């Protein structure tokens, strides 16, 4: 990801879909680094994402785990 040091999201809450893996997880960590509180939604557990967000000093909340579209 690019350098976001000049970009502040302090005081903002960002909803990130697909936050459990891949690009969504990367976005969650990046916006947390920029000061945002992250609300994550994904198909599976987001423990790893929560740990990574908190490791950069961010706040993480899992809004829902969407599960399988067939369930």
PDB file of N, CA and C in Angstrom:
ATOM      1  N   UNK A   1       0.840  -1.174   0.000  1.00  0.00           N
ATOM      2  CA  UNK A   1       0.000   0.000   0.000  1.00  0.00           C
ATOM      3  C   UNK A   1       0.889   1.243   0.000  1.00  0.00           C
ATOM      4  N   UNK A   2       0.327   2.343  -0.464  1.00  0.00           N
ATOM      5  CA  UNK A   2       1.092   3.582  -0.514  1.00  0.00           C
ATOM      6  C   UNK A   2       1.212   4.217   0.868  1.00  0.00           C
ATOM      7  N   UNK A   3       2.090   5.181   0.968  1.00  0.00           N
ATOM      8  CA  UNK A   3       2.317   5.887   2.226  1.00  0.00           C
ATOM      9  C   UNK A   3       1.130   6.795   2.525  1.00  0.00           C
ATOM     10  N   UNK A   4       0.493   6.574   3.661  1.00  0.00           N
ATOM     11  CA  UNK A   4      -0.665   7.376   4.050  1.00  0.00           C
ATOM     12  C   UNK A   4      -0.342   8.326   5.198  1.00  0.00           C
ATOM     13  N   UNK A   5       0.942   8.616   5.417  1.00  0.00           N
ATOM     14  CA  UNK A   5       1.333   9.419   6.575  1.00  0.00           C
ATOM     15  C   UNK A   5       0.738  10.827   6.551  1.00  0.00           C
ATOM     16  N   UNK A   6       0.459  11.387   5.390  1.00  0.00           N
ATOM     17  CA  UNK A   6      -0.117  12.730   5.303  1.00  0.00           C
ATOM     18  C   UNK A   6      -1.643  12.684   5.264  1.00  0.00           C
ATOM     19  N   UNK A   7      -2.205  11.500   5.351  1.00  0.00           N
ATOM     20  CA  UNK A   7      -3.642  11.290   5.211  1.00  0.00           C
ATOM     21  C   UNK A   7      -4.218  10.859   6.551  1.00  0.00           C
ATOM     22  N   UNK A   8      -5.020  11.711   7.175  1.00  0.00           N
ATOM     23  CA  UNK A   8      -5.557  11.390   8.499  1.00  0.00           C
ATOM     24  C   UNK A   8      -7.031  11.011   8.433  1.00  0.00           C
ATOM     25  N   UNK A   9      -7.361   9.902   9.072  1.00  0.00           N
ATOM     26  CA  UNK A   9      -8.751   9.479   9.223  1.00  0.00           C
ATOM     27  C   UNK A   9      -9.146   9.479  10.698  1.00  0.00           C
ATOM     28  N   UNK A  10      -8.403  10.220  11.505  1.00  0.00           N
ATOM     29  CA  UNK A  10      -8.678  10.285  12.941  1.00  0.00           C
ATOM     30  C   UNK A  10     -10.117  10.717  13.182  1.00  0.00           C
ATOM     31  N   UNK A  11     -10.792  10.004  14.072  1.00  0.00           N
ATOM     32  CA  UNK A  11     -12.173  10.319  14.408  1.00  0.00           C
ATOM     33  C   UNK A  11     -13.204   9.742  13.456  1.00  0.00           C
ATOM     34  N   UNK A  12     -12.761   9.028  12.433  1.00  0.00           N
ATOM     35  CA  UNK A  12     -13.673   8.429  11.452  1.00  0.00           C
ATOM     36  C   UNK A  12     -13.852   6.952  11.745  1.00  0.00           C
ATOM     37  N   UNK A  13     -15.004   6.417  11.356  1.00  0.00           N
ATOM     38  CA  UNK A  13     -15.263   4.976  11.441  1.00  0.00           C
ATOM     39  C   UNK A  13     -15.443   4.484  10.012  1.00  0.00           C
ATOM     40  N   UNK A  14     -14.680   3.472   9.629  1.00  0.00           N
ATOM     41  CA  UNK A  14     -14.683   2.963   8.263  1.00  0.00           C
ATOM     42  C   UNK A  14     -15.210   1.534   8.249  1.00  0.00           C
ATOM     43  N   UNK A  15     -16.214   1.269   7.411  1.00  0.00           N
ATOM     44  CA  UNK A  15     -16.748  -0.078   7.223  1.00  0.00           C
ATOM     45  C   UNK A  15     -15.977  -0.731   6.083  1.00  0.00           C
ATOM     46  N   UNK A  16     -15.360  -1.875   6.361  1.00  0.00           N
ATOM     47  CA  UNK A  16     -14.574  -2.585   5.357  1.00  0.00           C
ATOM     48  C   UNK A  16     -15.208  -3.949   5.121  1.00  0.00           C
ATOM     49  N   UNK A  17     -15.674  -4.180   3.889  1.00  0.00           N
ATOM     50  CA  UNK A  17     -16.212  -5.492   3.544  1.00  0.00           C
ATOM     51  C   UNK A  17     -15.068  -6.392   3.110  1.00  0.00           C
ATOM     52  N   UNK A  18     -15.202  -7.680   3.354  1.00  0.00           N
ATOM     53  CA  UNK A  18     -14.133  -8.616   3.025  1.00  0.00           C
ATOM     54  C   UNK A  18     -12.914  -8.416   3.902  1.00  0.00           C
ATOM     55  N   UNK A  19     -13.136  -7.943   5.126  1.00  0.00           N
ATOM     56  CA  UNK A  19     -12.030  -7.585   6.021  1.00  0.00           C
ATOM     57  C   UNK A  19     -11.278  -8.783   6.571  1.00  0.00           C
ATOM     58  N   UNK A  20     -11.783  -9.989   6.368  1.00  0.00           N
ATOM     59  CA  UNK A  20     -11.147 -11.164   6.963  1.00  0.00           C
ATOM     60  C   UNK A  20      -9.884 -11.610   6.234  1.00  0.00           C
ATOM     61  N   UNK A  21      -9.716 -11.287   4.957  1.00  0.00           N
ATOM     62  CA  UNK A  21      -8.535 -11.729   4.207  1.00  0.00           C
ATOM     63  C   UNK A  21      -8.164 -10.737   3.105  1.00  0.00           C
ATOM     64  N   UNK A  22      -7.018 -10.968   2.523  1.00  0.00           N
ATOM     65  CA  UNK A  22      -6.595 -10.309   1.295  1.00  0.00           C
ATOM     66  C   UNK A  22      -6.647  -8.793   1.281  1.00  0.00           C
ATOM     67  N   UNK A  23      -7.208  -8.262   0.190  1.00  0.00           N
ATOM     68  CA  UNK A  23      -7.263  -6.817  -0.009  1.00  0.00           C
ATOM     69  C   UNK A  23      -8.062  -6.138   1.097  1.00  0.00           C
ATOM     70  N   UNK A  24      -9.182  -6.732   1.485  1.00  0.00           N
ATOM     71  CA  UNK A  24      -9.997  -6.149   2.552  1.00  0.00           C
ATOM     72  C   UNK A  24      -9.229  -6.033   3.854  1.00  0.00           C
ATOM     73  N   UNK A  25      -8.458  -7.066   4.168  1.00  0.00           N
ATOM     74  CA  UNK A  25      -7.648  -7.036   5.386  1.00  0.00           C
ATOM     75  C   UNK A  25      -6.579  -5.944   5.278  1.00  0.00           C
ATOM     76  N   UNK A  26      -5.968  -5.835   4.117  1.00  0.00           N
ATOM     77  CA  UNK A  26      -4.955  -4.799   3.899  1.00  0.00           C
ATOM     78  C   UNK A  26      -5.527  -3.399   4.025  1.00  0.00           C
ATOM     79  N   UNK A  27      -6.729  -3.202   3.500  1.00  0.00           N
ATOM     80  CA  UNK A  27      -7.391  -1.901   3.612  1.00  0.00           C
ATOM     81  C   UNK A  27      -7.702  -1.600   5.073  1.00  0.00           C
ATOM     82  N   UNK A  28      -8.200  -2.605   5.799  1.00  0.00           N
ATOM     83  CA  UNK A  28      -8.525  -2.416   7.217  1.00  0.00           C
ATOM     84  C   UNK A  28      -7.298  -1.954   8.001  1.00  0.00           C
ATOM     85  N   UNK A  29      -6.166  -2.589   7.762  1.00  0.00           N
ATOM     86  CA  UNK A  29      -4.933  -2.226   8.470  1.00  0.00           C
ATOM     87  C   UNK A  29      -4.465  -0.828   8.047  1.00  0.00           C
ATOM     88  N   UNK A  30      -4.557  -0.523   6.765  1.00  0.00           N
ATOM     89  CA  UNK A  30      -4.103   0.785   6.269  1.00  0.00           C
ATOM     90  C   UNK A  30      -4.926   1.937   6.828  1.00  0.00           C
ATOM     91  N   UNK A  31      -6.255   1.793   6.842  1.00  0.00           N
ATOM     92  CA  UNK A  31      -7.077   2.886   7.365  1.00  0.00           C
ATOM     93  C   UNK A  31      -6.921   3.005   8.881  1.00  0.00           C
ATOM     94  N   UNK A  32      -6.646   1.881   9.558  1.00  0.00           N
ATOM     95  CA  UNK A  32      -6.371   1.934  11.002  1.00  0.00           C
ATOM     96  C   UNK A  32      -5.085   2.706  11.254  1.00  0.00           C
ATOM     97  N   UNK A  33      -4.087   2.463  10.413  1.00  0.00           N
ATOM     98  CA  UNK A  33      -2.815   3.188  10.525  1.00  0.00           C
ATOM     99  C   UNK A  33      -3.027   4.693  10.350  1.00  0.00           C
ATOM    100  N   UNK A  34      -4.021   5.056   9.526  1.00  0.00           N
ATOM    101  CA  UNK A  34      -4.331   6.469   9.275  1.00  0.00           C
ATOM    102  C   UNK A  34      -5.238   7.051  10.360  1.00  0.00           C
ATOM    103  N   UNK A  35      -5.599   6.237  11.368  1.00  0.00           N
ATOM    104  CA  UNK A  35      -6.336   6.750  12.515  1.00  0.00           C
ATOM    105  C   UNK A  35      -7.799   6.378  12.610  1.00  0.00           C
ATOM    106  N   UNK A  36      -8.328   5.666  11.630  1.00  0.00           N
ATOM    107  CA  UNK A  36      -9.749   5.307  11.649  1.00  0.00           C
ATOM    108  C   UNK A  36     -10.024   4.111  12.547  1.00  0.00           C
ATOM    109  N   UNK A  37     -11.228   4.080  13.101  1.00  0.00           N
ATOM    110  CA  UNK A  37     -11.725   2.879  13.768  1.00  0.00           C
ATOM    111  C   UNK A  37     -12.314   2.010  12.659  1.00  0.00           C
ATOM    112  N   UNK A  38     -12.027   0.725  12.672  1.00  0.00           N
ATOM    113  CA  UNK A  38     -12.440  -0.174  11.597  1.00  0.00           C
ATOM    114  C   UNK A  38     -13.605  -1.042  12.044  1.00  0.00           C
ATOM    115  N   UNK A  39     -14.627  -1.093  11.195  1.00  0.00           N
ATOM    116  CA  UNK A  39     -15.740  -2.012  11.383  1.00  0.00           C
ATOM    117  C   UNK A  39     -15.624  -3.017  10.247  1.00  0.00           C
ATOM    118  N   UNK A  40     -15.382  -4.278  10.582  1.00  0.00           N
ATOM    119  CA  UNK A  40     -15.138  -5.296   9.569  1.00  0.00           C
ATOM    120  C   UNK A  40     -16.321  -6.212   9.344  1.00  0.00           C
ATOM    121  N   UNK A  41     -16.523  -6.574   8.094  1.00  0.00           N
ATOM    122  CA  UNK A  41     -17.533  -7.554   7.699  1.00  0.00           C
ATOM    123  C   UNK A  41     -16.838  -8.564   6.798  1.00  0.00           C
ATOM    124  N   UNK A  42     -17.087  -9.845   7.020  1.00  0.00           N
ATOM    125  CA  UNK A  42     -16.480 -10.875   6.189  1.00  0.00           C
ATOM    126  C   UNK A  42     -17.221 -12.187   6.309  1.00  0.00           C
ATOM    127  N   UNK A  43     -16.824 -13.155   5.504  1.00  0.00           N
ATOM    128  CA  UNK A  43     -17.484 -14.461   5.496  1.00  0.00           C
ATOM    129  C   UNK A  43     -16.999 -15.398   6.583  1.00  0.00           C
ATOM    130  N   UNK A  44     -15.856 -15.098   7.158  1.00  0.00           N
ATOM    131  CA  UNK A  44     -15.318 -15.975   8.204  1.00  0.00           C
ATOM    132  C   UNK A  44     -14.746 -15.124   9.337  1.00  0.00           C
ATOM    133  N   UNK A  45     -14.261 -15.791  10.350  1.00  0.00           N
ATOM    134  CA  UNK A  45     -13.744 -15.106  11.540  1.00  0.00           C
ATOM    135  C   UNK A  45     -12.677 -14.082  11.173  1.00  0.00           C
ATOM    136  N   UNK A  46     -12.663 -13.003  11.908  1.00  0.00           N
ATOM    137  CA  UNK A  46     -11.744 -11.909  11.621  1.00  0.00           C
ATOM    138  C   UNK A  46     -10.736 -11.682  12.738  1.00  0.00           C
ATOM    139  N   UNK A  47     -10.400 -12.747  13.469  1.00  0.00           N
ATOM    140  CA  UNK A  47      -9.445 -12.633  14.576  1.00  0.00           C
ATOM    141  C   UNK A  47      -8.090 -12.107  14.108  1.00  0.00           C
ATOM    142  N   UNK A  48      -7.603 -12.630  12.989  1.00  0.00           N
ATOM    143  CA  UNK A  48      -6.297 -12.208  12.475  1.00  0.00           C
ATOM    144  C   UNK A  48      -6.318 -10.732  12.092  1.00  0.00           C
ATOM    145  N   UNK A  49      -7.399 -10.300  11.437  1.00  0.00           N
ATOM    146  CA  UNK A  49      -7.515  -8.891  11.056  1.00  0.00           C
ATOM    147  C   UNK A  49      -7.561  -8.011  12.295  1.00  0.00           C
ATOM    148  N   UNK A  50      -8.334  -8.421  13.292  1.00  0.00           N
ATOM    149  CA  UNK A  50      -8.427  -7.649  14.535  1.00  0.00           C
ATOM    150  C   UNK A  50      -7.050  -7.496  15.174  1.00  0.00           C
ATOM    151  N   UNK A  51      -6.279  -8.578  15.208  1.00  0.00           N
ATOM    152  CA  UNK A  51      -4.931  -8.529  15.786  1.00  0.00           C
ATOM    153  C   UNK A  51      -4.033  -7.570  15.017  1.00  0.00           C
ATOM    154  N   UNK A  52      -4.100  -7.614  13.679  1.00  0.00           N
ATOM    155  CA  UNK A  52      -3.256  -6.744  12.854  1.00  0.00           C
ATOM    156  C   UNK A  52      -3.644  -5.279  13.019  1.00  0.00           C
ATOM    157  N   UNK A  53      -4.947  -5.003  13.085  1.00  0.00           N
ATOM    158  CA  UNK A  53      -5.417  -3.628  13.268  1.00  0.00           C
ATOM    159  C   UNK A  53      -4.962  -3.100  14.625  1.00  0.00           C
ATOM    160  N   UNK A  54      -5.123  -3.905  15.659  1.00  0.00           N
ATOM    161  CA  UNK A  54      -4.726  -3.469  16.999  1.00  0.00           C
ATOM    162  C   UNK A  54      -3.210  -3.335  17.121  1.00  0.00           C
ATOM    163  N   UNK A  55      -2.457  -4.117  16.343  1.00  0.00           N
ATOM    164  CA  UNK A  55      -0.996  -4.037  16.371  1.00  0.00           C
ATOM    165  C   UNK A  55      -0.479  -2.692  15.854  1.00  0.00           C
ATOM    166  N   UNK A  56      -1.263  -2.028  14.999  1.00  0.00           N
ATOM    167  CA  UNK A  56      -0.864  -0.706  14.501  1.00  0.00           C
ATOM    168  C   UNK A  56      -1.536   0.408  15.302  1.00  0.00           C
ATOM    169  N   UNK A  57      -2.146   0.030  16.435  1.00  0.00           N
ATOM    170  CA  UNK A  57      -2.755   1.019  17.318  1.00  0.00           C
ATOM    171  C   UNK A  57      -4.191   1.360  16.997  1.00  0.00           C
ATOM    172  N   UNK A  58      -4.826   0.557  16.144  1.00  0.00           N
ATOM    173  CA  UNK A  58      -6.203   0.839  15.745  1.00  0.00           C
ATOM    174  C   UNK A  58      -7.249   0.149  16.600  1.00  0.00           C
ATOM    175  N   UNK A  59      -8.493   0.518  16.356  1.00  0.00           N
ATOM    176  CA  UNK A  59      -9.640  -0.120  17.007  1.00  0.00           C
ATOM    177  C   UNK A  59     -10.371  -0.934  15.954  1.00  0.00           C
ATOM    178  N   UNK A  60     -10.815  -2.138  16.330  1.00  0.00           N
ATOM    179  CA  UNK A  60     -11.498  -3.025  15.388  1.00  0.00           C
ATOM    180  C   UNK A  60     -12.769  -3.567  16.015  1.00  0.00           C
ATOM    181  N   UNK A  61     -13.824  -3.581  15.235  1.00  0.00           N
ATOM    182  CA  UNK A  61     -15.094  -4.154  15.652  1.00  0.00           C
ATOM    183  C   UNK A  61     -15.626  -4.991  14.494  1.00  0.00           C
ATOM    184  N   UNK A  62     -15.992  -6.229  14.775  1.00  0.00           N
ATOM    185  CA  UNK A  62     -16.593  -7.086  13.749  1.00  0.00           C
ATOM    186  C   UNK A  62     -18.096  -6.853  13.784  1.00  0.00           C
ATOM    187  N   UNK A  63     -18.636  -6.294  12.708  1.00  0.00           N
ATOM    188  CA  UNK A  63     -20.065  -5.991  12.648  1.00  0.00           C
ATOM    189  C   UNK A  63     -20.866  -7.258  12.425  1.00  0.00           C
ATOM    190  N   UNK A  64     -20.361  -8.138  11.564  1.00  0.00           N
ATOM    191  CA  UNK A  64     -21.055  -9.381  11.256  1.00  0.00           C
ATOM    192  C   UNK A  64     -20.110 -10.291  10.504  1.00  0.00           C
ATOM    193  N   UNK A  65     -20.375 -11.553  10.606  1.00  0.00           N
ATOM    194  CA  UNK A  65     -19.682 -12.522   9.785  1.00  0.00           C
ATOM    195  C   UNK A  65     -20.750 -13.064   8.853  1.00  0.00           C
ATOM    196  N   UNK A  66     -20.683 -12.688   7.600  1.00  0.00           N
ATOM    197  CA  UNK A  66     -21.761 -12.952   6.654  1.00  0.00           C
ATOM    198  C   UNK A  66     -22.020 -14.432   6.424  1.00  0.00           C
ATOM    199  N   UNK A  67     -21.010 -15.263   6.590  1.00  0.00           N
ATOM    200  CA  UNK A  67     -21.197 -16.693   6.361  1.00  0.00           C
ATOM    201  C   UNK A  67     -21.466 -17.004   4.901  1.00  0.00           C
ATOM    202  N   UNK A  68     -21.906 -18.200   4.649  1.00  0.00           N
ATOM    203  CA  UNK A  68     -22.194 -18.629   3.287  1.00  0.00           C
ATOM    204  C   UNK A  68     -23.471 -17.971   2.785  1.00  0.00           C
ATOM    205  N   UNK A  69     -23.491 -17.521   1.533  1.00  0.00           N
ATOM    206  CA  UNK A  69     -24.708 -16.912   0.993  1.00  0.00           C
ATOM    207  C   UNK A  69     -25.891 -17.884   0.978  1.00  0.00           C
ATOM    208  N   UNK A  70     -25.619 -19.175   1.050  1.00  0.00           N
ATOM    209  CA  UNK A  70     -26.686 -20.179   1.020  1.00  0.00           C
ATOM    210  C   UNK A  70     -27.250 -20.490   2.396  1.00  0.00           C
ATOM    211  N   UNK A  71     -26.610 -19.993   3.451  1.00  0.00           N
ATOM    212  CA  UNK A  71     -27.082 -20.321   4.798  1.00  0.00           C
ATOM    213  C   UNK A  71     -28.103 -19.321   5.293  1.00  0.00           C
TER     214      UNK A  71
END
